[in-house]
Amino acid sequence: MNVLIPLLAGLIIGIPLRGRGSRRVIQGAVNGVVLVLIFLLGVRSGEVNMSLGWATWVSFGIAVLTSVASLTGALAVWRWIG
């Protein structure tokens, strides 16, 4: 949740300021903020205690389900086109 607060603040501040200012200044600020958010996300995810076996099985399940969904979608499109 702590990572979402700067993201929402950036949206609230950035939308009214869209189209103003120099791109180089904005690009430098965006790069800095992204690095800070990646750091915060890494620190936050490092606090999680989970079993390696459980994480492996969950990752395997997600990979299998993603593959099945992709193949099913491709088959449906192939039959629809042909």
PDB file of N, CA and C in Angstrom:
ATOM      1  N   MET A   1       0.823  -1.198   0.000  1.00  0.00           N
ATOM      2  CA  MET A   1       0.000   0.000   0.000  1.00  0.00           C
ATOM      3  C   MET A   1       0.861   1.254   0.000  1.00  0.00           C
ATOM      4  N   ASN A   2       2.021   1.187   0.643  1.00  0.00           N
ATOM      5  CA  ASN A   2       2.872   2.370   0.707  1.00  0.00           C
ATOM      6  C   ASN A   2       3.392   2.778  -0.662  1.00  0.00           C
ATOM      7  N   VAL A   3       3.504   1.831  -1.586  1.00  0.00           N
ATOM      8  CA  VAL A   3       3.989   2.144  -2.920  1.00  0.00           C
ATOM      9  C   VAL A   3       2.905   2.845  -3.732  1.00  0.00           C
ATOM     10  N   LEU A   4       1.642   2.552  -3.452  1.00  0.00           N
ATOM     11  CA  LEU A   4       0.557   3.154  -4.210  1.00  0.00           C
ATOM     12  C   LEU A   4       0.354   4.632  -3.907  1.00  0.00           C
ATOM     13  N   ILE A   5       0.729   5.067  -2.720  1.00  0.00           N
ATOM     14  CA  ILE A   5       0.533   6.475  -2.350  1.00  0.00           C
ATOM     15  C   ILE A   5       1.330   7.408  -3.265  1.00  0.00           C
ATOM     16  N   PRO A   6       2.643   7.181  -3.511  1.00  0.00           N
ATOM     17  CA  PRO A   6       3.341   8.062  -4.457  1.00  0.00           C
ATOM     18  C   PRO A   6       2.805   7.968  -5.877  1.00  0.00           C
ATOM     19  N   LEU A   7       2.333   6.779  -6.278  1.00  0.00           N
ATOM     20  CA  LEU A   7       1.757   6.645  -7.613  1.00  0.00           C
ATOM     21  C   LEU A   7       0.496   7.489  -7.757  1.00  0.00           C
ATOM     22  N   LEU A   8      -0.383   7.423  -6.770  1.00  0.00           N
ATOM     23  CA  LEU A   8      -1.602   8.221  -6.812  1.00  0.00           C
ATOM     24  C   LEU A   8      -1.296   9.710  -6.715  1.00  0.00           C
ATOM     25  N   ALA A   9      -0.319  10.074  -5.892  1.00  0.00           N
ATOM     26  CA  ALA A   9       0.074  11.477  -5.791  1.00  0.00           C
ATOM     27  C   ALA A   9       0.609  11.974  -7.133  1.00  0.00           C
ATOM     28  N   GLY A  10       1.379  11.156  -7.826  1.00  0.00           N
ATOM     29  CA  GLY A  10       1.883  11.533  -9.140  1.00  0.00           C
ATOM     30  C   GLY A  10       0.773  11.748 -10.149  1.00  0.00           C
ATOM     31  N   LEU A  11      -0.250  10.901 -10.098  1.00  0.00           N
ATOM     32  CA  LEU A  11      -1.397  11.085 -10.989  1.00  0.00           C
ATOM     33  C   LEU A  11      -2.140  12.380 -10.677  1.00  0.00           C
ATOM     34  N   ILE A  12      -2.363  12.626  -9.394  1.00  0.00           N
ATOM     35  CA  ILE A  12      -3.107  13.815  -8.990  1.00  0.00           C
ATOM     36  C   ILE A  12      -2.355  15.084  -9.367  1.00  0.00           C
ATOM     37  N   ILE A  13      -1.038  15.071  -9.224  1.00  0.00           N
ATOM     38  CA  ILE A  13      -0.237  16.248  -9.565  1.00  0.00           C
ATOM     39  C   ILE A  13      -0.006  16.331 -11.064  1.00  0.00           C
ATOM     40  N   GLY A  14       0.217  15.198 -11.726  1.00  0.00           N
ATOM     41  CA  GLY A  14       0.617  15.202 -13.120  1.00  0.00           C
ATOM     42  C   GLY A  14      -0.478  15.506 -14.122  1.00  0.00           C
ATOM     43  N   ILE A  15      -1.695  15.086 -13.846  1.00  0.00           N
ATOM     44  CA  ILE A  15      -2.771  15.291 -14.815  1.00  0.00           C
ATOM     45  C   ILE A  15      -3.030  16.777 -15.065  1.00  0.00           C
ATOM     46  N   PRO A  16      -3.138  17.627 -14.044  1.00  0.00           N
ATOM     47  CA  PRO A  16      -3.338  19.057 -14.335  1.00  0.00           C
ATOM     48  C   PRO A  16      -2.123  19.716 -15.009  1.00  0.00           C
ATOM     49  N   LEU A  17      -0.931  19.186 -14.774  1.00  0.00           N
ATOM     50  CA  LEU A  17       0.278  19.778 -15.335  1.00  0.00           C
ATOM     51  C   LEU A  17       0.650  19.198 -16.695  1.00  0.00           C
ATOM     52  N   ARG A  18      -0.167  18.346 -17.257  1.00  0.00           N
ATOM     53  CA  ARG A  18       0.129  17.716 -18.538  1.00  0.00           C
ATOM     54  C   ARG A  18       0.287  18.777 -19.624  1.00  0.00           C
ATOM     55  N   GLY A  19       1.346  18.663 -20.418  1.00  0.00           N
ATOM     56  CA  GLY A  19       1.578  19.584 -21.517  1.00  0.00           C
ATOM     57  C   GLY A  19       2.346  20.833 -21.130  1.00  0.00           C
ATOM     58  N   ARG A  20       2.714  20.988 -19.876  1.00  0.00           N
ATOM     59  CA  ARG A  20       3.470  22.158 -19.428  1.00  0.00           C
ATOM     60  C   ARG A  20       4.894  21.749 -19.105  1.00  0.00           C
ATOM     61  N   GLY A  21       5.797  22.684 -19.208  1.00  0.00           N
ATOM     62  CA  GLY A  21       7.172  22.443 -18.789  1.00  0.00           C
ATOM     63  C   GLY A  21       8.012  21.782 -19.868  1.00  0.00           C
ATOM     64  N   SER A  22       9.257  21.617 -19.536  1.00  0.00           N
ATOM     65  CA  SER A  22      10.215  21.027 -20.463  1.00  0.00           C
ATOM     66  C   SER A  22      10.213  19.510 -20.331  1.00  0.00           C
ATOM     67  N   ARG A  23      10.341  18.820 -21.445  1.00  0.00           N
ATOM     68  CA  ARG A  23      10.354  17.348 -21.412  1.00  0.00           C
ATOM     69  C   ARG A  23      11.576  16.815 -20.675  1.00  0.00           C
ATOM     70  N   ARG A  24      12.712  17.481 -20.814  1.00  0.00           N
ATOM     71  CA  ARG A  24      13.929  16.988 -20.172  1.00  0.00           C
ATOM     72  C   ARG A  24      13.831  17.061 -18.657  1.00  0.00           C
ATOM     73  N   VAL A  25      13.263  18.129 -18.154  1.00  0.00           N
ATOM     74  CA  VAL A  25      13.093  18.256 -16.704  1.00  0.00           C
ATOM     75  C   VAL A  25      12.133  17.195 -16.199  1.00  0.00           C
ATOM     76  N   ILE A  26      11.041  17.004 -16.903  1.00  0.00           N
ATOM     77  CA  ILE A  26      10.043  16.019 -16.497  1.00  0.00           C
ATOM     78  C   ILE A  26      10.617  14.608 -16.608  1.00  0.00           C
ATOM     79  N   GLN A  27      11.375  14.338 -17.657  1.00  0.00           N
ATOM     80  CA  GLN A  27      11.946  13.009 -17.847  1.00  0.00           C
ATOM     81  C   GLN A  27      12.910  12.660 -16.714  1.00  0.00           C
ATOM     82  N   GLY A  28      13.719  13.623 -16.291  1.00  0.00           N
ATOM     83  CA  GLY A  28      14.633  13.377 -15.174  1.00  0.00           C
ATOM     84  C   GLY A  28      13.892  13.088 -13.883  1.00  0.00           C
ATOM     85  N   ALA A  29      12.816  13.833 -13.640  1.00  0.00           N
ATOM     86  CA  ALA A  29      12.014  13.604 -12.436  1.00  0.00           C
ATOM     87  C   ALA A  29      11.339  12.237 -12.486  1.00  0.00           C
ATOM     88  N   VAL A  30      10.826  11.866 -13.650  1.00  0.00           N
ATOM     89  CA  VAL A  30      10.164  10.560 -13.794  1.00  0.00           C
ATOM     90  C   VAL A  30      11.164   9.437 -13.557  1.00  0.00           C
ATOM     91  N   ASN A  31      12.356   9.553 -14.112  1.00  0.00           N
ATOM     92  CA  ASN A  31      13.379   8.516 -13.899  1.00  0.00           C
ATOM     93  C   ASN A  31      13.708   8.367 -12.419  1.00  0.00           C
ATOM     94  N   GLY A  32      13.847   9.469 -11.724  1.00  0.00           N
ATOM     95  CA  GLY A  32      14.135   9.411 -10.292  1.00  0.00           C
ATOM     96  C   GLY A  32      13.015   8.776  -9.496  1.00  0.00           C
ATOM     97  N   VAL A  33      11.796   9.152  -9.805  1.00  0.00           N
ATOM     98  CA  VAL A  33      10.644   8.599  -9.084  1.00  0.00           C
ATOM     99  C   VAL A  33      10.505   7.107  -9.348  1.00  0.00           C
ATOM    100  N   VAL A  34      10.718   6.683 -10.578  1.00  0.00           N
ATOM    101  CA  VAL A  34      10.621   5.256 -10.908  1.00  0.00           C
ATOM    102  C   VAL A  34      11.672   4.459 -10.136  1.00  0.00           C
ATOM    103  N   LEU A  35      12.887   4.975 -10.055  1.00  0.00           N
ATOM    104  CA  LEU A  35      13.929   4.278  -9.289  1.00  0.00           C
ATOM    105  C   LEU A  35      13.559   4.176  -7.817  1.00  0.00           C
ATOM    106  N   VAL A  36      13.014   5.247  -7.247  1.00  0.00           N
ATOM    107  CA  VAL A  36      12.601   5.214  -5.839  1.00  0.00           C
ATOM    108  C   VAL A  36      11.475   4.207  -5.643  1.00  0.00           C
ATOM    109  N   LEU A  37      10.496   4.174  -6.557  1.00  0.00           N
ATOM    110  CA  LEU A  37       9.387   3.230  -6.424  1.00  0.00           C
ATOM    111  C   LEU A  37       9.857   1.783  -6.559  1.00  0.00           C
ATOM    112  N   ILE A  38      10.797   1.534  -7.460  1.00  0.00           N
ATOM    113  CA  ILE A  38      11.344   0.179  -7.587  1.00  0.00           C
ATOM    114  C   ILE A  38      12.059  -0.218  -6.311  1.00  0.00           C
ATOM    115  N   PHE A  39      12.801   0.715  -5.726  1.00  0.00           N
ATOM    116  CA  PHE A  39      13.482   0.434  -4.461  1.00  0.00           C
ATOM    117  C   PHE A  39      12.469   0.128  -3.360  1.00  0.00           C
ATOM    118  N   LEU A  40      11.422   0.957  -3.255  1.00  0.00           N
ATOM    119  CA  LEU A  40      10.407   0.729  -2.224  1.00  0.00           C
ATOM    120  C   LEU A  40       9.688  -0.592  -2.431  1.00  0.00           C
ATOM    121  N   LEU A  41       9.411  -0.935  -3.669  1.00  0.00           N
ATOM    122  CA  LEU A  41       8.748  -2.200  -3.953  1.00  0.00           C
ATOM    123  C   LEU A  41       9.644  -3.376  -3.573  1.00  0.00           C
ATOM    124  N   GLY A  42      10.932  -3.259  -3.856  1.00  0.00           N
ATOM    125  CA  GLY A  42      11.868  -4.313  -3.476  1.00  0.00           C
ATOM    126  C   GLY A  42      11.991  -4.464  -1.982  1.00  0.00           C
ATOM    127  N   VAL A  43      12.033  -3.354  -1.271  1.00  0.00           N
ATOM    128  CA  VAL A  43      12.116  -3.404   0.191  1.00  0.00           C
ATOM    129  C   VAL A  43      10.845  -4.015   0.752  1.00  0.00           C
ATOM    130  N   ARG A  44       9.717  -3.628   0.201  1.00  0.00           N
ATOM    131  CA  ARG A  44       8.439  -4.139   0.699  1.00  0.00           C
ATOM    132  C   ARG A  44       8.298  -5.634   0.413  1.00  0.00           C
ATOM    133  N   SER A  45       8.688  -6.080  -0.764  1.00  0.00           N
ATOM    134  CA  SER A  45       8.561  -7.500  -1.083  1.00  0.00           C
ATOM    135  C   SER A  45       9.588  -8.333  -0.333  1.00  0.00           C
ATOM    136  N   GLY A  46      10.685  -7.722   0.094  1.00  0.00           N
ATOM    137  CA  GLY A  46      11.682  -8.442   0.871  1.00  0.00           C
ATOM    138  C   GLY A  46      11.212  -8.782   2.272  1.00  0.00           C
ATOM    139  N   GLU A  47      10.143  -8.139   2.734  1.00  0.00           N
ATOM    140  CA  GLU A  47       9.616  -8.403   4.071  1.00  0.00           C
ATOM    141  C   GLU A  47       8.687  -9.611   4.114  1.00  0.00           C
ATOM    142  N   VAL A  48       8.310 -10.126   2.976  1.00  0.00           N
ATOM    143  CA  VAL A  48       7.349 -11.226   2.914  1.00  0.00           C
ATOM    144  C   VAL A  48       8.042 -12.532   3.284  1.00  0.00           C
ATOM    145  N   ASN A  49       7.410 -13.289   4.167  1.00  0.00           N
ATOM    146  CA  ASN A  49       7.926 -14.606   4.541  1.00  0.00           C
ATOM    147  C   ASN A  49       7.045 -15.663   3.890  1.00  0.00           C
ATOM    148  N   MET A  50       7.642 -16.424   2.973  1.00  0.00           N
ATOM    149  CA  MET A  50       6.885 -17.489   2.325  1.00  0.00           C
ATOM    150  C   MET A  50       7.804 -18.685   2.090  1.00  0.00           C
ATOM    151  N   SER A  51       7.187 -19.816   1.940  1.00  0.00           N
ATOM    152  CA  SER A  51       7.917 -21.041   1.698  1.00  0.00           C
ATOM    153  C   SER A  51       8.353 -21.100   0.243  1.00  0.00           C
ATOM    154  N   LEU A  52       9.574 -21.541   0.000  1.00  0.00           N
ATOM    155  CA  LEU A  52      10.092 -21.660  -1.354  1.00  0.00           C
ATOM    156  C   LEU A  52       9.299 -22.709  -2.146  1.00  0.00           C
ATOM    157  N   GLY A  53       8.938 -23.797  -1.508  1.00  0.00           N
ATOM    158  CA  GLY A  53       8.156 -24.842  -2.175  1.00  0.00           C
ATOM    159  C   GLY A  53       6.793 -24.334  -2.610  1.00  0.00           C
ATOM    160  N   TRP A  54       6.124 -23.594  -1.708  1.00  0.00           N
ATOM    161  CA  TRP A  54       4.809 -23.044  -2.040  1.00  0.00           C
ATOM    162  C   TRP A  54       4.922 -22.059  -3.205  1.00  0.00           C
ATOM    163  N   ALA A  55       5.918 -21.190  -3.165  1.00  0.00           N
ATOM    164  CA  ALA A  55       6.104 -20.208  -4.233  1.00  0.00           C
ATOM    165  C   ALA A  55       6.401 -20.903  -5.566  1.00  0.00           C
ATOM    166  N   THR A  56       7.151 -21.989  -5.520  1.00  0.00           N
ATOM    167  CA  THR A  56       7.470 -22.729  -6.743  1.00  0.00           C
ATOM    168  C   THR A  56       6.212 -23.336  -7.352  1.00  0.00           C
ATOM    169  N   TRP A  57       5.383 -23.967  -6.531  1.00  0.00           N
ATOM    170  CA  TRP A  57       4.165 -24.590  -7.050  1.00  0.00           C
ATOM    171  C   TRP A  57       3.176 -23.555  -7.567  1.00  0.00           C
ATOM    172  N   VAL A  58       3.066 -22.434  -6.876  1.00  0.00           N
ATOM    173  CA  VAL A  58       2.169 -21.380  -7.337  1.00  0.00           C
ATOM    174  C   VAL A  58       2.660 -20.814  -8.674  1.00  0.00           C
ATOM    175  N   SER A  59       3.960 -20.592  -8.800  1.00  0.00           N
ATOM    176  CA  SER A  59       4.529 -20.092 -10.055  1.00  0.00           C
ATOM    177  C   SER A  59       4.310 -21.090 -11.182  1.00  0.00           C
ATOM    178  N   PHE A  60       4.481 -22.369 -10.894  1.00  0.00           N
ATOM    179  CA  PHE A  60       4.247 -23.406 -11.888  1.00  0.00           C
ATOM    180  C   PHE A  60       2.781 -23.414 -12.314  1.00  0.00           C
ATOM    181  N   GLY A  61       1.884 -23.292 -11.351  1.00  0.00           N
ATOM    182  CA  GLY A  61       0.453 -23.261 -11.675  1.00  0.00           C
ATOM    183  C   GLY A  61       0.087 -22.068 -12.539  1.00  0.00           C
ATOM    184  N   ILE A  62       0.637 -20.907 -12.222  1.00  0.00           N
ATOM    185  CA  ILE A  62       0.363 -19.714 -13.023  1.00  0.00           C
ATOM    186  C   ILE A  62       0.906 -19.898 -14.438  1.00  0.00           C
ATOM    187  N   ALA A  63       2.095 -20.479 -14.571  1.00  0.00           N
ATOM    188  CA  ALA A  63       2.685 -20.693 -15.894  1.00  0.00           C
ATOM    189  C   ALA A  63       1.837 -21.655 -16.721  1.00  0.00           C
ATOM    190  N   VAL A  64       1.358 -22.722 -16.100  1.00  0.00           N
ATOM    191  CA  VAL A  64       0.524 -23.692 -16.816  1.00  0.00           C
ATOM    192  C   VAL A  64      -0.800 -23.061 -17.236  1.00  0.00           C
ATOM    193  N   LEU A  65      -1.438 -22.352 -16.321  1.00  0.00           N
ATOM    194  CA  LEU A  65      -2.714 -21.723 -16.665  1.00  0.00           C
ATOM    195  C   LEU A  65      -2.555 -20.666 -17.751  1.00  0.00           C
ATOM    196  N   THR A  66      -1.465 -19.920 -17.711  1.00  0.00           N
ATOM    197  CA  THR A  66      -1.208 -18.915 -18.737  1.00  0.00           C
ATOM    198  C   THR A  66      -0.999 -19.577 -20.098  1.00  0.00           C
ATOM    199  N   SER A  67      -0.253 -20.670 -20.117  1.00  0.00           N
ATOM    200  CA  SER A  67      -0.015 -21.383 -21.372  1.00  0.00           C
ATOM    201  C   SER A  67      -1.306 -21.963 -21.934  1.00  0.00           C
ATOM    202  N   VAL A  68      -2.117 -22.566 -21.082  1.00  0.00           N
ATOM    203  CA  VAL A  68      -3.391 -23.137 -21.532  1.00  0.00           C
ATOM    204  C   VAL A  68      -4.305 -22.045 -22.069  1.00  0.00           C
ATOM    205  N   ALA A  69      -4.373 -20.913 -21.383  1.00  0.00           N
ATOM    206  CA  ALA A  69      -5.227 -19.810 -21.839  1.00  0.00           C
ATOM    207  C   ALA A  69      -4.731 -19.255 -23.181  1.00  0.00           C
ATOM    208  N   SER A  70      -3.420 -19.140 -23.342  1.00  0.00           N
ATOM    209  CA  SER A  70      -2.873 -18.642 -24.609  1.00  0.00           C
ATOM    210  C   SER A  70      -3.173 -19.600 -25.749  1.00  0.00           C
ATOM    211  N   LEU A  71      -2.983 -20.893 -25.527  1.00  0.00           N
ATOM    212  CA  LEU A  71      -3.272 -21.879 -26.571  1.00  0.00           C
ATOM    213  C   LEU A  71      -4.756 -21.928 -26.900  1.00  0.00           C
ATOM    214  N   THR A  72      -5.608 -21.818 -25.898  1.00  0.00           N
ATOM    215  CA  THR A  72      -7.053 -21.816 -26.132  1.00  0.00           C
ATOM    216  C   THR A  72      -7.462 -20.592 -26.933  1.00  0.00           C
ATOM    217  N   GLY A  73      -6.904 -19.441 -26.584  1.00  0.00           N
ATOM    218  CA  GLY A  73      -7.207 -18.222 -27.336  1.00  0.00           C
ATOM    219  C   GLY A  73      -6.718 -18.306 -28.765  1.00  0.00           C
ATOM    220  N   ALA A  74      -5.521 -18.839 -28.957  1.00  0.00           N
ATOM    221  CA  ALA A  74      -4.991 -18.982 -30.317  1.00  0.00           C
ATOM    222  C   ALA A  74      -5.846 -19.941 -31.134  1.00  0.00           C
ATOM    223  N   LEU A  75      -6.275 -21.045 -30.528  1.00  0.00           N
ATOM    224  CA  LEU A  75      -7.128 -22.004 -31.227  1.00  0.00           C
ATOM    225  C   LEU A  75      -8.470 -21.384 -31.594  1.00  0.00           C
ATOM    226  N   ALA A  76      -9.031 -20.595 -30.682  1.00  0.00           N
ATOM    227  CA  ALA A  76     -10.311 -19.938 -30.970  1.00  0.00           C
ATOM    228  C   ALA A  76     -10.177 -18.947 -32.108  1.00  0.00           C
ATOM    229  N   VAL A  77      -9.113 -18.170 -32.122  1.00  0.00           N
ATOM    230  CA  VAL A  77      -8.902 -17.203 -33.203  1.00  0.00           C
ATOM    231  C   VAL A  77      -8.641 -17.932 -34.510  1.00  0.00           C
ATOM    232  N   TRP A  78      -7.866 -19.006 -34.471  1.00  0.00           N
ATOM    233  CA  TRP A  78      -7.556 -19.780 -35.681  1.00  0.00           C
ATOM    234  C   TRP A  78      -8.827 -20.353 -36.300  1.00  0.00           C
ATOM    235  N   ARG A  79      -9.713 -20.875 -35.446  1.00  0.00           N
ATOM    236  CA  ARG A  79     -10.969 -21.433 -35.965  1.00  0.00           C
ATOM    237  C   ARG A  79     -11.895 -20.336 -36.465  1.00  0.00           C
ATOM    238  N   TRP A  80     -11.856 -19.181 -35.829  1.00  0.00           N
ATOM    239  CA  TRP A  80     -12.722 -18.074 -36.236  1.00  0.00           C
ATOM    240  C   TRP A  80     -12.269 -17.511 -37.579  1.00  0.00           C
ATOM    241  N   ILE A  81     -10.950 -17.424 -37.780  1.00  0.00           N
ATOM    242  CA  ILE A  81     -10.432 -16.895 -39.038  1.00  0.00           C
ATOM    243  C   ILE A  81     -10.611 -17.911 -40.164  1.00  0.00           C
ATOM    244  N   GLY A  82     -10.339 -19.190 -39.877  1.00  0.00           N
ATOM    245  CA  GLY A  82     -10.367 -20.208 -40.919  1.00  0.00           C
ATOM    246  C   GLY A  82     -11.691 -20.817 -41.012  1.00  0.00           C
TER     247      GLY A  82
END
